[in-house]
Amino acid sequence: MDTLYKTIEKLCEGKGIRPGRLCDDSKLSRGLMTDLKMGRKKSVSAQTAQKIATYFQVTVAQLLGQEEL
């Protein structure tokens, strides 16, 4: 199973952006992406997961690796 960061990274690649752009556009902390990338965090709040999923037009289940993208 992919980590949350790897899934976000894959979605960013598909959209042609970097994770920092996601943060700027979604008003999320860049530190959050760093923590996910470095393994200091393994998950995000439900609200944050929904923001990210909405940004990429996927379900939260897809974002969390519970369903295929």
PDB file of N, CA and C in Angstrom:
ATOM      1  N   MET A   1       0.847  -1.185   0.000  1.00  0.00           N
ATOM      2  CA  MET A   1       0.000   0.000   0.000  1.00  0.00           C
ATOM      3  C   MET A   1       0.889   1.245   0.000  1.00  0.00           C
ATOM      4  N   ASP A   2       0.533   2.187  -0.831  1.00  0.00           N
ATOM      5  CA  ASP A   2       1.288   3.441  -0.885  1.00  0.00           C
ATOM      6  C   ASP A   2       1.049   4.267   0.368  1.00  0.00           C
ATOM      7  N   THR A   3       2.038   5.062   0.694  1.00  0.00           N
ATOM      8  CA  THR A   3       1.831   6.010   1.778  1.00  0.00           C
ATOM      9  C   THR A   3       0.982   7.156   1.253  1.00  0.00           C
ATOM     10  N   LEU A   4       0.417   7.900   2.158  1.00  0.00           N
ATOM     11  CA  LEU A   4      -0.414   9.039   1.770  1.00  0.00           C
ATOM     12  C   LEU A   4       0.395  10.018   0.935  1.00  0.00           C
ATOM     13  N   TYR A   5       1.625  10.276   1.333  1.00  0.00           N
ATOM     14  CA  TYR A   5       2.438  11.229   0.577  1.00  0.00           C
ATOM     15  C   TYR A   5       2.677  10.744  -0.850  1.00  0.00           C
ATOM     16  N   LYS A   6       2.955   9.458  -1.005  1.00  0.00           N
ATOM     17  CA  LYS A   6       3.195   8.929  -2.357  1.00  0.00           C
ATOM     18  C   LYS A   6       1.952   9.061  -3.218  1.00  0.00           C
ATOM     19  N   THR A   7       0.789   8.868  -2.627  1.00  0.00           N
ATOM     20  CA  THR A   7      -0.459   9.042  -3.373  1.00  0.00           C
ATOM     21  C   THR A   7      -0.626  10.495  -3.788  1.00  0.00           C
ATOM     22  N   ILE A   8      -0.364  11.416  -2.866  1.00  0.00           N
ATOM     23  CA  ILE A   8      -0.455  12.841  -3.175  1.00  0.00           C
ATOM     24  C   ILE A   8       0.551  13.203  -4.254  1.00  0.00           C
ATOM     25  N   GLU A   9       1.744  12.685  -4.142  1.00  0.00           N
ATOM     26  CA  GLU A   9       2.784  12.945  -5.134  1.00  0.00           C
ATOM     27  C   GLU A   9       2.353  12.448  -6.518  1.00  0.00           C
ATOM     28  N   LYS A  10       1.762  11.272  -6.566  1.00  0.00           N
ATOM     29  CA  LYS A  10       1.282  10.697  -7.826  1.00  0.00           C
ATOM     30  C   LYS A  10       0.170  11.573  -8.427  1.00  0.00           C
ATOM     31  N   LEU A  11      -0.725  12.053  -7.578  1.00  0.00           N
ATOM     32  CA  LEU A  11      -1.800  12.928  -8.047  1.00  0.00           C
ATOM     33  C   LEU A  11      -1.239  14.260  -8.552  1.00  0.00           C
ATOM     34  N   CYS A  12      -0.241  14.766  -7.867  1.00  0.00           N
ATOM     35  CA  CYS A  12       0.407  16.015  -8.302  1.00  0.00           C
ATOM     36  C   CYS A  12       1.051  15.827  -9.679  1.00  0.00           C
ATOM     37  N   GLU A  13       1.747  14.728  -9.851  1.00  0.00           N
ATOM     38  CA  GLU A  13       2.383  14.443 -11.151  1.00  0.00           C
ATOM     39  C   GLU A  13       1.345  14.395 -12.255  1.00  0.00           C
ATOM     40  N   GLY A  14       0.211  13.768 -11.973  1.00  0.00           N
ATOM     41  CA  GLY A  14      -0.848  13.667 -12.962  1.00  0.00           C
ATOM     42  C   GLY A  14      -1.427  15.019 -13.344  1.00  0.00           C
ATOM     43  N   LYS A  15      -1.366  15.944 -12.406  1.00  0.00           N
ATOM     44  CA  LYS A  15      -1.895  17.284 -12.654  1.00  0.00           C
ATOM     45  C   LYS A  15      -0.801  18.244 -13.125  1.00  0.00           C
ATOM     46  N   GLY A  16       0.451  17.773 -13.087  1.00  0.00           N
ATOM     47  CA  GLY A  16       1.563  18.604 -13.538  1.00  0.00           C
ATOM     48  C   GLY A  16       1.946  19.704 -12.557  1.00  0.00           C
ATOM     49  N   ILE A  17       1.776  19.419 -11.263  1.00  0.00           N
ATOM     50  CA  ILE A  17       2.130  20.409 -10.242  1.00  0.00           C
ATOM     51  C   ILE A  17       3.027  19.767  -9.197  1.00  0.00           C
ATOM     52  N   ARG A  18       3.550  20.600  -8.325  1.00  0.00           N
ATOM     53  CA  ARG A  18       4.343  20.120  -7.196  1.00  0.00           C
ATOM     54  C   ARG A  18       3.481  20.169  -5.931  1.00  0.00           C
ATOM     55  N   PRO A  19       3.827  19.373  -4.919  1.00  0.00           N
ATOM     56  CA  PRO A  19       3.045  19.395  -3.678  1.00  0.00           C
ATOM     57  C   PRO A  19       2.937  20.789  -3.048  1.00  0.00           C
ATOM     58  N   GLY A  20       3.952  21.610  -3.207  1.00  0.00           N
ATOM     59  CA  GLY A  20       3.888  22.972  -2.669  1.00  0.00           C
ATOM     60  C   GLY A  20       2.772  23.782  -3.307  1.00  0.00           C
ATOM     61  N   ARG A  21       2.522  23.548  -4.581  1.00  0.00           N
ATOM     62  CA  ARG A  21       1.432  24.244  -5.284  1.00  0.00           C
ATOM     63  C   ARG A  21       0.085  23.808  -4.716  1.00  0.00           C
ATOM     64  N   LEU A  22      -0.041  22.509  -4.435  1.00  0.00           N
ATOM     65  CA  LEU A  22      -1.246  21.991  -3.792  1.00  0.00           C
ATOM     66  C   LEU A  22      -1.496  22.738  -2.496  1.00  0.00           C
ATOM     67  N   CYS A  23      -0.455  22.881  -1.691  1.00  0.00           N
ATOM     68  CA  CYS A  23      -0.580  23.581  -0.400  1.00  0.00           C
ATOM     69  C   CYS A  23      -1.025  25.023  -0.599  1.00  0.00           C
ATOM     70  N   ASP A  24      -0.395  25.715  -1.523  1.00  0.00           N
ATOM     71  CA  ASP A  24      -0.750  27.109  -1.784  1.00  0.00           C
ATOM     72  C   ASP A  24      -2.196  27.227  -2.249  1.00  0.00           C
ATOM     73  N   ASP A  25      -2.580  26.393  -3.194  1.00  0.00           N
ATOM     74  CA  ASP A  25      -3.932  26.459  -3.754  1.00  0.00           C
ATOM     75  C   ASP A  25      -5.001  26.062  -2.739  1.00  0.00           C
ATOM     76  N   SER A  26      -4.680  25.121  -1.858  1.00  0.00           N
ATOM     77  CA  SER A  26      -5.654  24.594  -0.897  1.00  0.00           C
ATOM     78  C   SER A  26      -5.532  25.228   0.478  1.00  0.00           C
ATOM     79  N   LYS A  27      -4.603  26.155   0.614  1.00  0.00           N
ATOM     80  CA  LYS A  27      -4.366  26.827   1.888  1.00  0.00           C
ATOM     81  C   LYS A  27      -3.991  25.830   2.988  1.00  0.00           C
ATOM     82  N   LEU A  28      -3.112  24.891   2.619  1.00  0.00           N
ATOM     83  CA  LEU A  28      -2.584  23.917   3.566  1.00  0.00           C
ATOM     84  C   LEU A  28      -1.143  24.276   3.895  1.00  0.00           C
ATOM     85  N   SER A  29      -0.689  23.846   5.029  1.00  0.00           N
ATOM     86  CA  SER A  29       0.681  24.103   5.456  1.00  0.00           C
ATOM     87  C   SER A  29       1.676  23.296   4.631  1.00  0.00           C
ATOM     88  N   ARG A  30       2.709  23.961   4.155  1.00  0.00           N
ATOM     89  CA  ARG A  30       3.775  23.229   3.453  1.00  0.00           C
ATOM     90  C   ARG A  30       4.475  22.281   4.422  1.00  0.00           C
ATOM     91  N   GLY A  31       4.478  22.641   5.694  1.00  0.00           N
ATOM     92  CA  GLY A  31       5.058  21.775   6.718  1.00  0.00           C
ATOM     93  C   GLY A  31       4.343  20.440   6.809  1.00  0.00           C
ATOM     94  N   LEU A  32       3.051  20.445   6.518  1.00  0.00           N
ATOM     95  CA  LEU A  32       2.287  19.203   6.513  1.00  0.00           C
ATOM     96  C   LEU A  32       2.849  18.252   5.462  1.00  0.00           C
ATOM     97  N   MET A  33       3.092  18.773   4.260  1.00  0.00           N
ATOM     98  CA  MET A  33       3.642  17.932   3.184  1.00  0.00           C
ATOM     99  C   MET A  33       5.033  17.434   3.563  1.00  0.00           C
ATOM    100  N   THR A  34       5.828  18.293   4.169  1.00  0.00           N
ATOM    101  CA  THR A  34       7.166  17.883   4.603  1.00  0.00           C
ATOM    102  C   THR A  34       7.069  16.770   5.635  1.00  0.00           C
ATOM    103  N   ASP A  35       6.162  16.929   6.607  1.00  0.00           N
ATOM    104  CA  ASP A  35       5.990  15.900   7.642  1.00  0.00           C
ATOM    105  C   ASP A  35       5.533  14.577   7.036  1.00  0.00           C
ATOM    106  N   LEU A  36       4.630  14.637   6.065  1.00  0.00           N
ATOM    107  CA  LEU A  36       4.188  13.404   5.400  1.00  0.00           C
ATOM    108  C   LEU A  36       5.337  12.764   4.622  1.00  0.00           C
ATOM    109  N   LYS A  37       6.082  13.596   3.910  1.00  0.00           N
ATOM    110  CA  LYS A  37       7.193  13.089   3.098  1.00  0.00           C
ATOM    111  C   LYS A  37       8.273  12.444   3.967  1.00  0.00           C
ATOM    112  N   MET A  38       8.571  13.071   5.092  1.00  0.00           N
ATOM    113  CA  MET A  38       9.627  12.579   5.971  1.00  0.00           C
ATOM    114  C   MET A  38       9.153  11.450   6.890  1.00  0.00           C
ATOM    115  N   GLY A  39       7.867  11.143   6.857  1.00  0.00           N
ATOM    116  CA  GLY A  39       7.343  10.064   7.686  1.00  0.00           C
ATOM    117  C   GLY A  39       7.022  10.474   9.105  1.00  0.00           C
ATOM    118  N   ARG A  40       7.100  11.766   9.398  1.00  0.00           N
ATOM    119  CA  ARG A  40       6.764  12.232  10.754  1.00  0.00           C
ATOM    120  C   ARG A  40       5.266  12.192  10.988  1.00  0.00           C
ATOM    121  N   LYS A  41       4.505  12.235   9.908  1.00  0.00           N
ATOM    122  CA  LYS A  41       3.047  12.088   9.970  1.00  0.00           C
ATOM    123  C   LYS A  41       2.661  11.007   8.987  1.00  0.00           C
ATOM    124  N   LYS A  42       1.689  10.211   9.359  1.00  0.00           N
ATOM    125  CA  LYS A  42       1.210   9.139   8.484  1.00  0.00           C
ATOM    126  C   LYS A  42      -0.197   9.429   7.978  1.00  0.00           C
ATOM    127  N   SER A  43      -0.879  10.389   8.605  1.00  0.00           N
ATOM    128  CA  SER A  43      -2.258  10.670   8.224  1.00  0.00           C
ATOM    129  C   SER A  43      -2.548  12.159   8.397  1.00  0.00           C
ATOM    130  N   VAL A  44      -3.723  12.540   7.970  1.00  0.00           N
ATOM    131  CA  VAL A  44      -4.180  13.928   8.099  1.00  0.00           C
ATOM    132  C   VAL A  44      -5.595  13.900   8.669  1.00  0.00           C
ATOM    133  N   SER A  45      -6.084  15.039   9.083  1.00  0.00           N
ATOM    134  CA  SER A  45      -7.452  15.112   9.602  1.00  0.00           C
ATOM    135  C   SER A  45      -8.439  14.834   8.472  1.00  0.00           C
ATOM    136  N   ALA A  46      -9.662  14.514   8.846  1.00  0.00           N
ATOM    137  CA  ALA A  46     -10.711  14.260   7.855  1.00  0.00           C
ATOM    138  C   ALA A  46     -10.941  15.498   6.997  1.00  0.00           C
ATOM    139  N   GLN A  47     -10.893  16.658   7.620  1.00  0.00           N
ATOM    140  CA  GLN A  47     -11.102  17.920   6.885  1.00  0.00           C
ATOM    141  C   GLN A  47      -9.997  18.133   5.853  1.00  0.00           C
ATOM    142  N   THR A  48      -8.759  17.897   6.240  1.00  0.00           N
ATOM    143  CA  THR A  48      -7.631  18.060   5.321  1.00  0.00           C
ATOM    144  C   THR A  48      -7.698  17.032   4.200  1.00  0.00           C
ATOM    145  N   ALA A  49      -8.026  15.797   4.543  1.00  0.00           N
ATOM    146  CA  ALA A  49      -8.160  14.754   3.516  1.00  0.00           C
ATOM    147  C   ALA A  49      -9.232  15.150   2.503  1.00  0.00           C
ATOM    148  N   GLN A  50     -10.326  15.706   2.987  1.00  0.00           N
ATOM    149  CA  GLN A  50     -11.399  16.119   2.080  1.00  0.00           C
ATOM    150  C   GLN A  50     -10.946  17.262   1.177  1.00  0.00           C
ATOM    151  N   LYS A  51     -10.194  18.214   1.727  1.00  0.00           N
ATOM    152  CA  LYS A  51      -9.667  19.325   0.922  1.00  0.00           C
ATOM    153  C   LYS A  51      -8.785  18.810  -0.212  1.00  0.00           C
ATOM    154  N   ILE A  52      -7.892  17.887   0.130  1.00  0.00           N
ATOM    155  CA  ILE A  52      -6.968  17.341  -0.866  1.00  0.00           C
ATOM    156  C   ILE A  52      -7.734  16.534  -1.911  1.00  0.00           C
ATOM    157  N   ALA A  53      -8.660  15.701  -1.455  1.00  0.00           N
ATOM    158  CA  ALA A  53      -9.453  14.891  -2.384  1.00  0.00           C
ATOM    159  C   ALA A  53     -10.266  15.777  -3.325  1.00  0.00           C
ATOM    160  N   THR A  54     -10.856  16.809  -2.791  1.00  0.00           N
ATOM    161  CA  THR A  54     -11.638  17.731  -3.615  1.00  0.00           C
ATOM    162  C   THR A  54     -10.740  18.415  -4.641  1.00  0.00           C
ATOM    163  N   TYR A  55      -9.563  18.820  -4.225  1.00  0.00           N
ATOM    164  CA  TYR A  55      -8.619  19.487  -5.126  1.00  0.00           C
ATOM    165  C   TYR A  55      -8.303  18.617  -6.336  1.00  0.00           C
ATOM    166  N   PHE A  56      -8.124  17.322  -6.082  1.00  0.00           N
ATOM    167  CA  PHE A  56      -7.764  16.400  -7.167  1.00  0.00           C
ATOM    168  C   PHE A  56      -8.966  15.706  -7.793  1.00  0.00           C
ATOM    169  N   GLN A  57     -10.141  16.009  -7.313  1.00  0.00           N
ATOM    170  CA  GLN A  57     -11.379  15.410  -7.816  1.00  0.00           C
ATOM    171  C   GLN A  57     -11.352  13.886  -7.703  1.00  0.00           C
ATOM    172  N   VAL A  58     -10.953  13.420  -6.525  1.00  0.00           N
ATOM    173  CA  VAL A  58     -10.978  11.997  -6.200  1.00  0.00           C
ATOM    174  C   VAL A  58     -11.730  11.843  -4.884  1.00  0.00           C
ATOM    175  N   THR A  59     -12.051  10.619  -4.527  1.00  0.00           N
ATOM    176  CA  THR A  59     -12.709  10.391  -3.239  1.00  0.00           C
ATOM    177  C   THR A  59     -11.655  10.321  -2.135  1.00  0.00           C
ATOM    178  N   VAL A  60     -12.106  10.510  -0.920  1.00  0.00           N
ATOM    179  CA  VAL A  60     -11.186  10.380   0.217  1.00  0.00           C
ATOM    180  C   VAL A  60     -10.663   8.946   0.282  1.00  0.00           C
ATOM    181  N   ALA A  61     -11.516   7.983  -0.021  1.00  0.00           N
ATOM    182  CA  ALA A  61     -11.089   6.574  -0.024  1.00  0.00           C
ATOM    183  C   ALA A  61      -9.965   6.349  -1.030  1.00  0.00           C
ATOM    184  N   GLN A  62     -10.055   6.974  -2.199  1.00  0.00           N
ATOM    185  CA  GLN A  62      -8.978   6.856  -3.184  1.00  0.00           C
ATOM    186  C   GLN A  62      -7.711   7.524  -2.668  1.00  0.00           C
ATOM    187  N   LEU A  63      -7.843   8.685  -2.082  1.00  0.00           N
ATOM    188  CA  LEU A  63      -6.700   9.399  -1.531  1.00  0.00           C
ATOM    189  C   LEU A  63      -5.982   8.571  -0.476  1.00  0.00           C
ATOM    190  N   LEU A  64      -6.763   7.890   0.353  1.00  0.00           N
ATOM    191  CA  LEU A  64      -6.189   7.111   1.445  1.00  0.00           C
ATOM    192  C   LEU A  64      -5.762   5.709   1.032  1.00  0.00           C
ATOM    193  N   GLY A  65      -5.916   5.394  -0.248  1.00  0.00           N
ATOM    194  CA  GLY A  65      -5.471   4.097  -0.740  1.00  0.00           C
ATOM    195  C   GLY A  65      -6.429   2.962  -0.484  1.00  0.00           C
ATOM    196  N   GLN A  66      -7.671   3.294  -0.095  1.00  0.00           N
ATOM    197  CA  GLN A  66      -8.677   2.265   0.160  1.00  0.00           C
ATOM    198  C   GLN A  66      -9.368   1.826  -1.124  1.00  0.00           C
ATOM    199  N   GLU A  67      -9.296   2.666  -2.138  1.00  0.00           N
ATOM    200  CA  GLU A  67      -9.812   2.359  -3.468  1.00  0.00           C
ATOM    201  C   GLU A  67      -8.764   2.753  -4.489  1.00  0.00           C
ATOM    202  N   GLU A  68      -8.812   2.134  -5.643  1.00  0.00           N
ATOM    203  CA  GLU A  68      -7.847   2.486  -6.697  1.00  0.00           C
ATOM    204  C   GLU A  68      -8.145   3.849  -7.272  1.00  0.00           C
ATOM    205  N   LEU A  69      -7.078   4.525  -7.685  1.00  0.00           N
ATOM    206  CA  LEU A  69      -7.233   5.838  -8.325  1.00  0.00           C
ATOM    207  C   LEU A  69      -7.698   5.675  -9.738  1.00  0.00           C
TER     208      LEU A  69
END
